[in-house]
Amino acid sequence: MSERMASRTAVLVCQGRAAASGRAAEGRFADPVAEQLLRAEERVPVGQVRAGTPPAGWKERAVYESVRACAEVVVARTLAIDEALRARVGNQLVILGAGLDTRAWRMSELAGSDVWEVDHPASQRDKQSRLPAGSAALARSVRFTPVDFAVDDLGTALDAAGHDPSVPTTWLWEGVVPYLTRDEVRATVAAVAARTVPGSALVVNYQAPSARAAAGRLLARVLGSSITSGEPWRSLWRPQQLAVLLAEHGLRVVSDDDLLDLARIHGLPARGRTSLRSGHVAVAEPPR
């Protein structure tokens, strides 16, 4: 696991945000930092999607379609998560599986927050190499915390990085749960709950079972057209299943919306996008 490559899914999500920035949700969605984290060749399909000019080659077209589809999904998800974070911003924000997350660099609401970006060491090295020279975070501090969720102890890593478990923490767990086994998800929830005091919150994005989504990912792997085909989904959760797991660790779900409903809430075109139904954003809190 220590030799694992940096996440390609993180790059795709960043491309999706860059492609959608300033072009969706009536100007309410913008991520100007996303494109800065992309390599020159990764910006090519972003520009094609923004211009609506698909390339001719089938491999290039497959990448284009992946970025276009991701841009459709990521806007509703990002808007919902950003709103949840703004409502609960505090002194400590821990981003689990941060990938190429840009919130510490684009959300002024985090000016009084210390942010811990937790991710696999390979992905963290990749992100740090992508940050523009001299780029300053808007958050009070950003602490890169390398953790392999399959083998490392999250609590130990956060202790070493200066996280205070006695202070309310907002936890963000976006785009990670499907790539973990059920046991890894349970272990992570337990570690989070052990460091969660009243006033804290967990914002979690996960995938529910979907025959359509499963068929699409299988086809992409068979055709070899997915840039993330080496990163398979390992666990899917129905809302009630996840709620039960969280409740076992003292966390009560206060909201759980699928991405299709979130798209409609935010005025995004949702006709024909039933595939959004399988993605969810939930918020859970401990008893006060």
C-alpha atoms as a PDB file:
ATOM      1  CA  MET A   1       0.000   0.000   0.000  1.00  0.00           C
ATOM      2  CA  SER A   2       2.897   2.398   0.663  1.00  0.00           C
ATOM      3  CA  GLU A   3       3.799   2.156  -3.054  1.00  0.00           C
ATOM      4  CA  ARG A   4       0.311   3.117  -4.210  1.00  0.00           C
ATOM      5  CA  MET A   5       0.086   5.838  -6.817  1.00  0.00           C
ATOM      6  CA  ALA A   6      -1.571   9.181  -6.114  1.00  0.00           C
ATOM      7  CA  SER A   7      -5.328   9.112  -6.568  1.00  0.00           C
ATOM      8  CA  ARG A   8      -6.555   9.594 -10.136  1.00  0.00           C
ATOM      9  CA  THR A   9     -10.079  10.065  -8.828  1.00  0.00           C
ATOM     10  CA  ALA A  10      -8.869  13.182  -6.997  1.00  0.00           C
ATOM     11  CA  VAL A  11      -7.577  14.573 -10.287  1.00  0.00           C
ATOM     12  CA  LEU A  12     -10.857  13.825 -12.064  1.00  0.00           C
ATOM     13  CA  VAL A  13     -12.888  15.544  -9.340  1.00  0.00           C
ATOM     14  CA  CYS A  14     -10.585  18.561  -9.531  1.00  0.00           C
ATOM     15  CA  GLN A  15     -11.049  18.634 -13.318  1.00  0.00           C
ATOM     16  CA  GLY A  16     -14.803  18.485 -12.835  1.00  0.00           C
ATOM     17  CA  ARG A  17     -14.744  21.450 -10.455  1.00  0.00           C
ATOM     18  CA  ALA A  18     -12.523  23.423 -12.812  1.00  0.00           C
ATOM     19  CA  ALA A  19     -14.801  22.680 -15.761  1.00  0.00           C
ATOM     20  CA  ALA A  20     -17.921  23.774 -13.852  1.00  0.00           C
ATOM     21  CA  SER A  21     -16.417  26.797 -12.094  1.00  0.00           C
ATOM     22  CA  GLY A  22     -18.421  29.942 -12.764  1.00  0.00           C
ATOM     23  CA  ARG A  23     -20.759  28.153 -15.174  1.00  0.00           C
ATOM     24  CA  ALA A  24     -23.338  26.524 -12.917  1.00  0.00           C
ATOM     25  CA  ALA A  25     -25.883  27.380 -10.216  1.00  0.00           C
ATOM     26  CA  GLU A  26     -26.375  30.922 -11.489  1.00  0.00           C
ATOM     27  CA  GLY A  27     -22.905  32.043 -10.497  1.00  0.00           C
ATOM     28  CA  ARG A  28     -23.070  30.553  -7.005  1.00  0.00           C
ATOM     29  CA  PHE A  29     -20.508  27.881  -7.769  1.00  0.00           C
ATOM     30  CA  ALA A  30     -16.909  28.900  -8.304  1.00  0.00           C
ATOM     31  CA  ASP A  31     -13.631  27.125  -7.652  1.00  0.00           C
ATOM     32  CA  PRO A  32     -10.866  29.254  -9.168  1.00  0.00           C
ATOM     33  CA  VAL A  33      -8.203  27.270  -7.319  1.00  0.00           C
ATOM     34  CA  ALA A  34      -9.052  23.925  -8.953  1.00  0.00           C
ATOM     35  CA  GLU A  35      -7.468  24.684 -12.324  1.00  0.00           C
ATOM     36  CA  GLN A  36      -4.292  25.899 -10.626  1.00  0.00           C
ATOM     37  CA  LEU A  37      -3.787  22.383  -9.207  1.00  0.00           C
ATOM     38  CA  LEU A  38      -3.975  20.692 -12.611  1.00  0.00           C
ATOM     39  CA  ARG A  39      -1.060  19.823 -14.874  1.00  0.00           C
ATOM     40  CA  ALA A  40      -1.045  21.317 -18.361  1.00  0.00           C
ATOM     41  CA  GLU A  41      -2.265  18.085 -19.988  1.00  0.00           C
ATOM     42  CA  GLU A  42      -5.034  17.750 -17.389  1.00  0.00           C
ATOM     43  CA  ARG A  43      -6.324  21.204 -18.280  1.00  0.00           C
ATOM     44  CA  VAL A  44      -6.894  20.220 -21.922  1.00  0.00           C
ATOM     45  CA  PRO A  45     -10.156  18.275 -21.399  1.00  0.00           C
ATOM     46  CA  VAL A  46     -11.294  20.943 -18.932  1.00  0.00           C
ATOM     47  CA  GLY A  47     -11.021  23.560 -21.656  1.00  0.00           C
ATOM     48  CA  GLN A  48     -12.804  21.284 -24.110  1.00  0.00           C
ATOM     49  CA  VAL A  49     -15.701  20.719 -21.717  1.00  0.00           C
ATOM     50  CA  ARG A  50     -16.001  24.437 -20.977  1.00  0.00           C
ATOM     51  CA  ALA A  51     -16.044  25.168 -24.710  1.00  0.00           C
ATOM     52  CA  GLY A  52     -18.377  22.268 -25.518  1.00  0.00           C
ATOM     53  CA  THR A  53     -15.978  20.933 -28.149  1.00  0.00           C
ATOM     54  CA  PRO A  54     -15.481  17.168 -27.754  1.00  0.00           C
ATOM     55  CA  PRO A  55     -12.294  15.782 -29.320  1.00  0.00           C
ATOM     56  CA  ALA A  56     -12.311  13.339 -32.223  1.00  0.00           C
ATOM     57  CA  GLY A  57     -10.192  10.458 -30.889  1.00  0.00           C
ATOM     58  CA  TRP A  58     -12.089   7.831 -28.889  1.00  0.00           C
ATOM     59  CA  LYS A  59      -9.610   7.829 -25.998  1.00  0.00           C
ATOM     60  CA  GLU A  60      -9.623  11.612 -25.812  1.00  0.00           C
ATOM     61  CA  ARG A  61     -13.411  11.563 -26.093  1.00  0.00           C
ATOM     62  CA  ALA A  62     -13.632   9.116 -23.166  1.00  0.00           C
ATOM     63  CA  VAL A  63     -11.591  11.486 -20.998  1.00  0.00           C
ATOM     64  CA  TYR A  64     -13.750  14.406 -22.137  1.00  0.00           C
ATOM     65  CA  GLU A  65     -16.952  12.545 -21.212  1.00  0.00           C
ATOM     66  CA  SER A  66     -15.516  11.595 -17.816  1.00  0.00           C
ATOM     67  CA  VAL A  67     -14.709  15.225 -17.017  1.00  0.00           C
ATOM     68  CA  ARG A  68     -18.074  16.426 -18.357  1.00  0.00           C
ATOM     69  CA  ALA A  69     -19.987  13.879 -16.264  1.00  0.00           C
ATOM     70  CA  CYS A  70     -17.939  14.690 -13.172  1.00  0.00           C
ATOM     71  CA  ALA A  71     -18.662  18.404 -13.622  1.00  0.00           C
ATOM     72  CA  GLU A  72     -22.381  17.622 -13.555  1.00  0.00           C
ATOM     73  CA  VAL A  73     -22.102  15.628 -10.340  1.00  0.00           C
ATOM     74  CA  VAL A  74     -19.649  17.726  -8.396  1.00  0.00           C
ATOM     75  CA  VAL A  75     -21.534  21.032  -8.381  1.00  0.00           C
ATOM     76  CA  ALA A  76     -24.516  19.880  -6.313  1.00  0.00           C
ATOM     77  CA  ARG A  77     -22.225  17.946  -3.998  1.00  0.00           C
ATOM     78  CA  THR A  78     -19.839  20.848  -3.459  1.00  0.00           C
ATOM     79  CA  LEU A  79     -22.585  23.416  -2.905  1.00  0.00           C
ATOM     80  CA  ALA A  80     -24.276  21.214  -0.299  1.00  0.00           C
ATOM     81  CA  ILE A  81     -21.035  20.488   1.536  1.00  0.00           C
ATOM     82  CA  ASP A  82     -19.907  24.118   1.484  1.00  0.00           C
ATOM     83  CA  GLU A  83     -23.242  25.196   2.963  1.00  0.00           C
ATOM     84  CA  ALA A  84     -22.959  22.578   5.711  1.00  0.00           C
ATOM     85  CA  LEU A  85     -19.419  23.718   6.546  1.00  0.00           C
ATOM     86  CA  ARG A  86     -20.368  27.412   6.634  1.00  0.00           C
ATOM     87  CA  ALA A  87     -23.164  26.618   9.083  1.00  0.00           C
ATOM     88  CA  ARG A  88     -20.763  24.733  11.352  1.00  0.00           C
ATOM     89  CA  VAL A  89     -17.423  26.462  10.884  1.00  0.00           C
ATOM     90  CA  GLY A  90     -15.298  26.378  14.002  1.00  0.00           C
ATOM     91  CA  ASN A  91     -11.701  26.211  15.146  1.00  0.00           C
ATOM     92  CA  GLN A  92     -10.977  22.743  13.742  1.00  0.00           C
ATOM     93  CA  LEU A  93     -11.788  21.207  10.354  1.00  0.00           C
ATOM     94  CA  VAL A  94     -10.512  17.738   9.471  1.00  0.00           C
ATOM     95  CA  ILE A  95     -10.827  16.687   5.830  1.00  0.00           C
ATOM     96  CA  LEU A  96     -10.612  12.911   5.513  1.00  0.00           C
ATOM     97  CA  GLY A  97      -9.261  11.793   2.140  1.00  0.00           C
ATOM     98  CA  ALA A  98      -8.632  15.394   1.110  1.00  0.00           C
ATOM     99  CA  GLY A  99      -7.320  14.665  -2.381  1.00  0.00           C
ATOM    100  CA  LEU A 100      -7.109  17.949  -4.299  1.00  0.00           C
ATOM    101  CA  ASP A 101      -9.618  19.719  -2.049  1.00  0.00           C
ATOM    102  CA  THR A 102      -9.397  23.521  -2.350  1.00  0.00           C
ATOM    103  CA  ARG A 103     -11.545  24.732   0.548  1.00  0.00           C
ATOM    104  CA  ALA A 104      -8.644  25.887   2.708  1.00  0.00           C
ATOM    105  CA  TRP A 105      -7.560  28.100  -0.213  1.00  0.00           C
ATOM    106  CA  ARG A 106     -10.941  29.426  -1.371  1.00  0.00           C
ATOM    107  CA  MET A 107     -13.285  29.661   1.655  1.00  0.00           C
ATOM    108  CA  SER A 108     -12.794  32.887   3.601  1.00  0.00           C
ATOM    109  CA  GLU A 109     -15.034  31.435   6.333  1.00  0.00           C
ATOM    110  CA  LEU A 110     -12.076  29.250   7.364  1.00  0.00           C
ATOM    111  CA  ALA A 111      -9.898  32.220   8.323  1.00  0.00           C
ATOM    112  CA  GLY A 112     -10.232  31.283  11.995  1.00  0.00           C
ATOM    113  CA  SER A 113      -9.913  27.533  11.465  1.00  0.00           C
ATOM    114  CA  ASP A 114      -7.035  25.099  11.584  1.00  0.00           C
ATOM    115  CA  VAL A 115      -7.467  22.567   8.780  1.00  0.00           C
ATOM    116  CA  TRP A 116      -6.070  19.053   8.803  1.00  0.00           C
ATOM    117  CA  GLU A 117      -5.890  17.463   5.341  1.00  0.00           C
ATOM    118  CA  VAL A 118      -5.762  13.705   5.884  1.00  0.00           C
ATOM    119  CA  ASP A 119      -4.865  11.505   2.925  1.00  0.00           C
ATOM    120  CA  HIS A 120      -2.660   8.705   1.656  1.00  0.00           C
ATOM    121  CA  PRO A 121       1.014   9.779   1.631  1.00  0.00           C
ATOM    122  CA  ALA A 122       1.289   9.385  -2.156  1.00  0.00           C
ATOM    123  CA  SER A 123      -1.712  11.617  -2.760  1.00  0.00           C
ATOM    124  CA  GLN A 124      -0.445  14.212  -0.296  1.00  0.00           C
ATOM    125  CA  ARG A 125       2.964  14.364  -1.951  1.00  0.00           C
ATOM    126  CA  ASP A 126       1.230  14.816  -5.291  1.00  0.00           C
ATOM    127  CA  LYS A 127      -0.955  17.654  -3.995  1.00  0.00           C
ATOM    128  CA  GLN A 128       1.904  19.493  -2.367  1.00  0.00           C
ATOM    129  CA  SER A 129       3.854  19.320  -5.637  1.00  0.00           C
ATOM    130  CA  ARG A 130       0.871  20.886  -7.435  1.00  0.00           C
ATOM    131  CA  LEU A 131       0.323  23.859  -5.125  1.00  0.00           C
ATOM    132  CA  PRO A 132       1.536  27.030  -6.868  1.00  0.00           C
ATOM    133  CA  ALA A 133       4.695  28.482  -5.388  1.00  0.00           C
ATOM    134  CA  GLY A 134       3.838  31.029  -2.730  1.00  0.00           C
ATOM    135  CA  SER A 135       0.162  30.100  -2.624  1.00  0.00           C
ATOM    136  CA  ALA A 136      -1.332  31.215   0.669  1.00  0.00           C
ATOM    137  CA  ALA A 137      -4.233  29.404   2.285  1.00  0.00           C
ATOM    138  CA  LEU A 138      -7.199  31.414   3.578  1.00  0.00           C
ATOM    139  CA  ALA A 139      -7.494  29.051   6.545  1.00  0.00           C
ATOM    140  CA  ARG A 140      -5.525  29.895   9.687  1.00  0.00           C
ATOM    141  CA  SER A 141      -3.357  26.859   9.075  1.00  0.00           C
ATOM    142  CA  VAL A 142      -3.238  23.753   6.879  1.00  0.00           C
ATOM    143  CA  ARG A 143      -1.645  20.650   8.347  1.00  0.00           C
ATOM    144  CA  PHE A 144      -0.974  17.812   5.913  1.00  0.00           C
ATOM    145  CA  THR A 145      -1.503  14.555   7.788  1.00  0.00           C
ATOM    146  CA  PRO A 146      -0.490  11.379   5.912  1.00  0.00           C
ATOM    147  CA  VAL A 147      -2.724   8.384   6.685  1.00  0.00           C
ATOM    148  CA  ASP A 148      -3.327   5.139   4.851  1.00  0.00           C
ATOM    149  CA  PHE A 149      -6.855   4.298   6.027  1.00  0.00           C
ATOM    150  CA  ALA A 150      -6.206   0.600   5.359  1.00  0.00           C
ATOM    151  CA  VAL A 151      -3.318   0.259   7.809  1.00  0.00           C
ATOM    152  CA  ASP A 152      -2.726   3.445   9.847  1.00  0.00           C
ATOM    153  CA  ASP A 153      -4.390   4.582  13.056  1.00  0.00           C
ATOM    154  CA  LEU A 154      -6.218   7.842  12.384  1.00  0.00           C
ATOM    155  CA  GLY A 155      -6.233   8.959  16.011  1.00  0.00           C
ATOM    156  CA  THR A 156      -2.492   8.499  16.405  1.00  0.00           C
ATOM    157  CA  ALA A 157      -1.821  10.474  13.230  1.00  0.00           C
ATOM    158  CA  LEU A 158      -4.073  13.339  14.302  1.00  0.00           C
ATOM    159  CA  ASP A 159      -2.479  13.438  17.756  1.00  0.00           C
ATOM    160  CA  ALA A 160       0.929  13.784  16.111  1.00  0.00           C
ATOM    161  CA  ALA A 161      -0.418  16.579  13.878  1.00  0.00           C
ATOM    162  CA  GLY A 162      -1.742  18.608  16.822  1.00  0.00           C
ATOM    163  CA  HIS A 163      -5.476  17.955  16.586  1.00  0.00           C
ATOM    164  CA  ASP A 164      -7.211  18.565  19.939  1.00  0.00           C
ATOM    165  CA  PRO A 165      -9.969  15.977  20.538  1.00  0.00           C
ATOM    166  CA  SER A 166     -11.426  18.056  23.372  1.00  0.00           C
ATOM    167  CA  VAL A 167     -12.326  20.909  20.990  1.00  0.00           C
ATOM    168  CA  PRO A 168     -15.383  20.696  18.696  1.00  0.00           C
ATOM    169  CA  THR A 169     -14.359  19.531  15.226  1.00  0.00           C
ATOM    170  CA  THR A 170     -16.083  19.622  11.880  1.00  0.00           C
ATOM    171  CA  TRP A 171     -15.231  16.478   9.955  1.00  0.00           C
ATOM    172  CA  LEU A 172     -15.529  16.329   6.165  1.00  0.00           C
ATOM    173  CA  TRP A 173     -15.484  12.921   4.490  1.00  0.00           C
ATOM    174  CA  GLU A 174     -16.074  13.503   0.779  1.00  0.00           C
ATOM    175  CA  GLY A 175     -15.565  11.116  -2.123  1.00  0.00           C
ATOM    176  CA  VAL A 176     -13.828   8.476   0.004  1.00  0.00           C
ATOM    177  CA  VAL A 177     -16.343   6.040   1.479  1.00  0.00           C
ATOM    178  CA  PRO A 178     -16.950   4.002  -1.728  1.00  0.00           C
ATOM    179  CA  TYR A 179     -13.222   3.283  -2.046  1.00  0.00           C
ATOM    180  CA  LEU A 180     -12.974   1.771   1.441  1.00  0.00           C
ATOM    181  CA  THR A 181     -14.078  -1.660   2.563  1.00  0.00           C
ATOM    182  CA  ARG A 182     -16.945  -1.835   5.028  1.00  0.00           C
ATOM    183  CA  ASP A 183     -14.491  -2.689   7.808  1.00  0.00           C
ATOM    184  CA  GLU A 184     -12.339   0.338   6.918  1.00  0.00           C
ATOM    185  CA  VAL A 185     -15.434   2.547   6.971  1.00  0.00           C
ATOM    186  CA  ARG A 186     -16.420   1.196  10.395  1.00  0.00           C
ATOM    187  CA  ALA A 187     -12.901   1.733  11.745  1.00  0.00           C
ATOM    188  CA  THR A 188     -12.821   5.308  10.467  1.00  0.00           C
ATOM    189  CA  VAL A 189     -16.223   6.106  11.982  1.00  0.00           C
ATOM    190  CA  ALA A 190     -15.029   4.704  15.312  1.00  0.00           C
ATOM    191  CA  ALA A 191     -11.859   6.818  15.181  1.00  0.00           C
ATOM    192  CA  VAL A 192     -13.829   9.957  14.336  1.00  0.00           C
ATOM    193  CA  ALA A 193     -16.410   9.325  17.064  1.00  0.00           C
ATOM    194  CA  ALA A 194     -13.660   8.850  19.645  1.00  0.00           C
ATOM    195  CA  ARG A 195     -12.448  12.401  18.906  1.00  0.00           C
ATOM    196  CA  THR A 196     -15.877  14.004  18.594  1.00  0.00           C
ATOM    197  CA  VAL A 197     -17.313  16.140  21.397  1.00  0.00           C
ATOM    198  CA  PRO A 198     -20.616  18.057  21.578  1.00  0.00           C
ATOM    199  CA  GLY A 199     -20.640  20.893  19.065  1.00  0.00           C
ATOM    200  CA  SER A 200     -18.884  18.778  16.448  1.00  0.00           C
ATOM    201  CA  ALA A 201     -20.345  17.538  13.165  1.00  0.00           C
ATOM    202  CA  LEU A 202     -19.546  14.970  10.486  1.00  0.00           C
ATOM    203  CA  VAL A 203     -20.348  15.827   6.864  1.00  0.00           C
ATOM    204  CA  VAL A 204     -20.117  12.641   4.811  1.00  0.00           C
ATOM    205  CA  ASN A 205     -20.565  11.945   1.116  1.00  0.00           C
ATOM    206  CA  TYR A 206     -21.261   8.337   0.176  1.00  0.00           C
ATOM    207  CA  GLN A 207     -22.751   6.157  -2.576  1.00  0.00           C
ATOM    208  CA  ALA A 208     -25.877   4.029  -2.282  1.00  0.00           C
ATOM    209  CA  PRO A 209     -26.308   0.890  -4.416  1.00  0.00           C
ATOM    210  CA  SER A 210     -27.366   1.644  -7.987  1.00  0.00           C
ATOM    211  CA  ALA A 211     -27.653  -0.823 -10.845  1.00  0.00           C
ATOM    212  CA  ARG A 212     -27.175   1.969 -13.371  1.00  0.00           C
ATOM    213  CA  ALA A 213     -24.013   3.293 -11.723  1.00  0.00           C
ATOM    214  CA  ALA A 214     -22.601  -0.228 -11.366  1.00  0.00           C
ATOM    215  CA  ALA A 215     -23.239  -0.979 -15.040  1.00  0.00           C
ATOM    216  CA  GLY A 216     -21.576   2.251 -16.114  1.00  0.00           C
ATOM    217  CA  ARG A 217     -18.443   1.624 -14.071  1.00  0.00           C
ATOM    218  CA  LEU A 218     -18.253  -1.984 -15.322  1.00  0.00           C
ATOM    219  CA  LEU A 219     -18.530  -0.865 -18.940  1.00  0.00           C
ATOM    220  CA  ALA A 220     -15.823   1.750 -18.428  1.00  0.00           C
ATOM    221  CA  ARG A 221     -13.479  -0.900 -17.003  1.00  0.00           C
ATOM    222  CA  VAL A 222     -14.193  -3.358 -19.823  1.00  0.00           C
ATOM    223  CA  LEU A 223     -13.550  -0.705 -22.456  1.00  0.00           C
ATOM    224  CA  GLY A 224     -10.540   0.620 -20.589  1.00  0.00           C
ATOM    225  CA  SER A 225     -11.970   4.102 -21.013  1.00  0.00           C
ATOM    226  CA  SER A 226     -11.980   5.202 -17.387  1.00  0.00           C
ATOM    227  CA  ILE A 227      -8.979   7.089 -16.041  1.00  0.00           C
ATOM    228  CA  THR A 228      -9.967   5.850 -12.579  1.00  0.00           C
ATOM    229  CA  SER A 229     -10.516   2.186 -13.496  1.00  0.00           C
ATOM    230  CA  GLY A 230      -7.743   1.140 -11.104  1.00  0.00           C
ATOM    231  CA  GLU A 231      -9.655   2.588  -8.153  1.00  0.00           C
ATOM    232  CA  PRO A 232     -12.752   0.394  -7.740  1.00  0.00           C
ATOM    233  CA  TRP A 233     -15.618   1.001  -5.354  1.00  0.00           C
ATOM    234  CA  ARG A 234     -15.438  -1.340  -2.365  1.00  0.00           C
ATOM    235  CA  SER A 235     -18.496  -0.457  -0.293  1.00  0.00           C
ATOM    236  CA  LEU A 236     -21.925   1.010  -0.929  1.00  0.00           C
ATOM    237  CA  TRP A 237     -24.324   2.042   1.827  1.00  0.00           C
ATOM    238  CA  ARG A 238     -28.050   2.531   1.958  1.00  0.00           C
ATOM    239  CA  PRO A 239     -29.046   5.580   4.034  1.00  0.00           C
ATOM    240  CA  GLN A 240     -30.501   3.448   6.818  1.00  0.00           C
ATOM    241  CA  GLN A 241     -27.362   1.285   6.964  1.00  0.00           C
ATOM    242  CA  LEU A 242     -25.109   4.294   7.339  1.00  0.00           C
ATOM    243  CA  ALA A 243     -27.432   5.870   9.903  1.00  0.00           C
ATOM    244  CA  VAL A 244     -27.301   2.689  11.989  1.00  0.00           C
ATOM    245  CA  LEU A 245     -23.503   2.584  11.826  1.00  0.00           C
ATOM    246  CA  LEU A 246     -23.221   6.221  12.885  1.00  0.00           C
ATOM    247  CA  ALA A 247     -25.765   5.732  15.684  1.00  0.00           C
ATOM    248  CA  GLU A 248     -23.704   2.834  17.039  1.00  0.00           C
ATOM    249  CA  HIS A 249     -20.959   5.393  17.632  1.00  0.00           C
ATOM    250  CA  GLY A 250     -23.160   8.105  19.094  1.00  0.00           C
ATOM    251  CA  LEU A 251     -23.699  10.154  15.930  1.00  0.00           C
ATOM    252  CA  ARG A 252     -27.233  11.090  14.880  1.00  0.00           C
ATOM    253  CA  VAL A 253     -27.990  11.850  11.229  1.00  0.00           C
ATOM    254  CA  VAL A 254     -29.704  15.260  11.042  1.00  0.00           C
ATOM    255  CA  SER A 255     -29.913  15.408   7.247  1.00  0.00           C
ATOM    256  CA  ASP A 256     -29.321  13.069   4.320  1.00  0.00           C
ATOM    257  CA  ASP A 257     -30.038  14.178   0.744  1.00  0.00           C
ATOM    258  CA  ASP A 258     -29.257  12.538  -2.559  1.00  0.00           C
ATOM    259  CA  LEU A 259     -27.512  14.559  -5.256  1.00  0.00           C
ATOM    260  CA  LEU A 260     -30.559  14.649  -7.515  1.00  0.00           C
ATOM    261  CA  ASP A 261     -32.595  16.401  -4.824  1.00  0.00           C
ATOM    262  CA  LEU A 262     -29.652  18.685  -4.061  1.00  0.00           C
ATOM    263  CA  ALA A 263     -29.376  19.596  -7.750  1.00  0.00           C
ATOM    264  CA  ARG A 264     -33.021  20.596  -7.778  1.00  0.00           C
ATOM    265  CA  ILE A 265     -32.665  22.548  -4.531  1.00  0.00           C
ATOM    266  CA  HIS A 266     -29.828  24.558  -6.053  1.00  0.00           C
ATOM    267  CA  GLY A 267     -31.613  25.160  -9.337  1.00  0.00           C
ATOM    268  CA  LEU A 268     -29.370  22.894 -11.404  1.00  0.00           C
ATOM    269  CA  PRO A 269     -30.783  21.121 -14.469  1.00  0.00           C
ATOM    270  CA  ALA A 270     -31.663  17.625 -13.258  1.00  0.00           C
ATOM    271  CA  ARG A 271     -33.836  16.175 -16.032  1.00  0.00           C
ATOM    272  CA  GLY A 272     -32.480  12.825 -17.165  1.00  0.00           C
ATOM    273  CA  ARG A 273     -29.796  12.740 -14.474  1.00  0.00           C
ATOM    274  CA  THR A 274     -31.249   9.984 -12.350  1.00  0.00           C
ATOM    275  CA  SER A 275     -27.712   8.658 -11.850  1.00  0.00           C
ATOM    276  CA  LEU A 276     -27.354  11.460  -9.281  1.00  0.00           C
ATOM    277  CA  ARG A 277     -29.832   9.596  -7.086  1.00  0.00           C
ATOM    278  CA  SER A 278     -27.134   7.206  -5.785  1.00  0.00           C
ATOM    279  CA  GLY A 279     -24.839   9.918  -4.416  1.00  0.00           C
ATOM    280  CA  HIS A 280     -25.632  11.309  -0.960  1.00  0.00           C
ATOM    281  CA  VAL A 281     -24.489  14.051   1.400  1.00  0.00           C
ATOM    282  CA  ALA A 282     -25.356  13.442   5.049  1.00  0.00           C
ATOM    283  CA  VAL A 283     -24.683  15.435   8.209  1.00  0.00           C
ATOM    284  CA  ALA A 284     -24.410  13.744  11.599  1.00  0.00           C
ATOM    285  CA  GLU A 285     -23.901  15.217  15.054  1.00  0.00           C
ATOM    286  CA  PRO A 286     -23.270  13.904  18.593  1.00  0.00           C
ATOM    287  CA  PRO A 287     -25.766  14.610  21.385  1.00  0.00           C
ATOM    288  CA  ARG A 288     -25.445  18.103  22.799  1.00  0.00           C
END
